[in-house]
């Protein structure tokens, strides 16, 4: 199990949930009612599931693909610790993961 800590954009609201290995962060976040739209349903065709991973947790994750990096270039409020939640799969060696919601999202498919 991985303990996931969801922080609001301003950091004032915190929710913690446990999720098993193999789960996708986007699915866990949506099941918990987090404000991640995931417009493309995890097909990596938008950036509406953009999250900001805690600096201590960021190195625990596999590197983002070039395609993911390209989509993040188009997302709002991107930081050097930004990732797409649809591309983060929980593993058995990941004990905790803290992510913050960005201040907004831009739906690329809405154009």
Protein backbone atom coordinates (compact mmCIF):
# COMPACT_ATOMS: atom_id res chain seq x y z
CA UNK A 1 0.00 0.00 0.00
CA UNK A 2 1.03 3.52 -0.73
CA UNK A 3 -0.12 6.39 1.49
CA UNK A 4 -1.00 9.25 -0.85
CA UNK A 5 -1.24 12.76 0.48
CA UNK A 6 -3.25 15.16 -1.68
CA UNK A 7 -2.69 18.87 -1.02
CA UNK A 8 -4.92 21.62 -2.36
CA UNK A 9 -3.36 24.23 -4.66
CA UNK A 10 -2.82 26.61 -1.75
CA UNK A 11 -1.65 23.81 0.57
CA UNK A 12 -4.36 24.40 3.17
CA UNK A 13 -6.44 21.26 2.58
CA UNK A 14 -4.89 17.83 2.99
CA UNK A 15 -6.44 14.43 2.32
CA UNK A 16 -4.68 11.13 2.84
CA UNK A 17 -5.69 7.86 1.22
CA UNK A 18 -4.15 4.41 0.89
CA UNK A 19 -3.93 2.71 -2.49
CA UNK A 20 -2.53 -0.65 -3.58
CA UNK A 21 0.40 -1.19 -5.93
CA UNK A 22 -0.58 -1.17 -9.58
CA UNK A 23 -3.14 1.62 -9.21
CA UNK A 24 -2.81 4.71 -11.37
CA UNK A 25 -2.60 7.98 -9.44
CA UNK A 26 -5.26 9.59 -11.65
CA UNK A 27 -7.78 6.87 -10.75
CA UNK A 28 -6.99 7.11 -7.03
CA UNK A 29 -7.31 10.91 -7.11
CA UNK A 30 -10.63 10.86 -8.96
CA UNK A 31 -12.04 8.19 -6.61
CA UNK A 32 -11.09 10.50 -3.72
CA UNK A 33 -12.84 13.48 -5.32
CA UNK A 34 -9.69 15.41 -6.14
CA UNK A 35 -10.07 18.15 -8.80
CA UNK A 36 -8.28 16.29 -11.60
CA UNK A 37 -10.39 16.24 -14.72
CA UNK A 38 -8.42 13.70 -16.76
CA UNK A 39 -10.31 14.75 -19.90
CA UNK A 40 -8.57 12.19 -22.14
CA UNK A 41 -9.27 9.40 -19.62
CA UNK A 42 -5.58 8.68 -19.11
CA UNK A 43 -4.62 8.42 -22.78
CA UNK A 44 -1.95 11.15 -22.36
CA UNK A 45 -3.63 13.46 -24.84
CA UNK A 46 -4.25 16.40 -22.49
CA UNK A 47 -2.73 17.88 -19.34
CA UNK A 48 -5.82 18.08 -17.12
CA UNK A 49 -4.37 15.54 -14.66
CA UNK A 50 -1.26 17.61 -13.98
CA UNK A 51 -0.03 17.36 -10.38
CA UNK A 52 2.99 18.75 -8.57
CA UNK A 53 4.93 16.01 -6.81
CA UNK A 54 6.62 16.79 -3.51
CA UNK A 55 10.35 17.46 -4.03
CA UNK A 56 11.31 14.56 -1.73
CA UNK A 57 9.04 12.12 -3.57
CA UNK A 58 9.86 13.22 -7.12
CA UNK A 59 13.09 11.15 -7.43
CA UNK A 60 11.19 8.01 -6.35
CA UNK A 61 9.22 8.05 -9.61
CA UNK A 62 10.43 6.86 -13.02
CA UNK A 63 11.42 9.66 -15.38
CA UNK A 64 8.69 11.19 -17.48
CA UNK A 65 8.61 10.18 -21.13
CA UNK A 66 9.32 12.75 -23.82
CA UNK A 67 5.62 12.72 -24.74
CA UNK A 68 4.65 13.47 -21.12
CA UNK A 69 7.22 16.30 -20.96
CA UNK A 70 5.76 17.79 -24.16
CA UNK A 71 2.26 17.83 -22.65
CA UNK A 72 3.55 19.33 -19.41
CA UNK A 73 5.05 22.17 -21.45
CA UNK A 74 1.46 23.13 -22.30
CA UNK A 75 0.00 22.80 -18.78
CA UNK A 76 -0.73 25.67 -16.40
CA UNK A 77 1.34 26.29 -13.25
CA UNK A 78 4.05 23.78 -14.19
CA UNK A 79 7.05 23.36 -11.93
CA UNK A 80 10.14 21.21 -12.24
CA UNK A 81 8.33 18.62 -10.12
CA UNK A 82 5.24 18.44 -12.33
CA UNK A 83 3.91 15.14 -13.66
CA UNK A 84 0.74 13.81 -15.24
CA UNK A 85 -1.19 11.68 -12.77
CA UNK A 86 -2.21 9.31 -15.58
CA UNK A 87 1.45 8.37 -15.96
CA UNK A 88 2.17 7.61 -12.30
CA UNK A 89 1.55 3.99 -11.35
CA UNK A 90 1.96 3.07 -7.70
CA UNK A 91 4.58 0.44 -6.95
CA UNK A 92 5.09 -1.81 -3.94
CA UNK A 93 8.30 0.02 -3.00
CA UNK A 94 6.58 3.44 -2.91
CA UNK A 95 5.50 3.90 0.73
CA UNK A 96 4.29 7.48 0.50
CA UNK A 97 3.59 10.02 -2.21
CA UNK A 98 2.62 13.65 -1.69
CA UNK A 99 1.14 15.64 -4.56
CA UNK A 100 -0.28 19.15 -4.77
CA UNK A 101 -3.04 20.20 -7.11
CA UNK A 102 -1.99 22.99 -9.50
CA UNK A 103 -3.79 26.32 -9.46
CA UNK A 104 -5.67 25.50 -12.68
CA UNK A 105 -5.79 23.37 -15.79
CA UNK A 106 -5.98 24.03 -19.50
CA UNK A 107 -7.97 21.52 -21.53
CA UNK A 108 -6.08 21.07 -24.80
CA UNK A 109 -8.92 18.98 -26.26
CA UNK A 110 -11.40 21.83 -25.81
CA UNK A 111 -9.94 23.75 -28.73
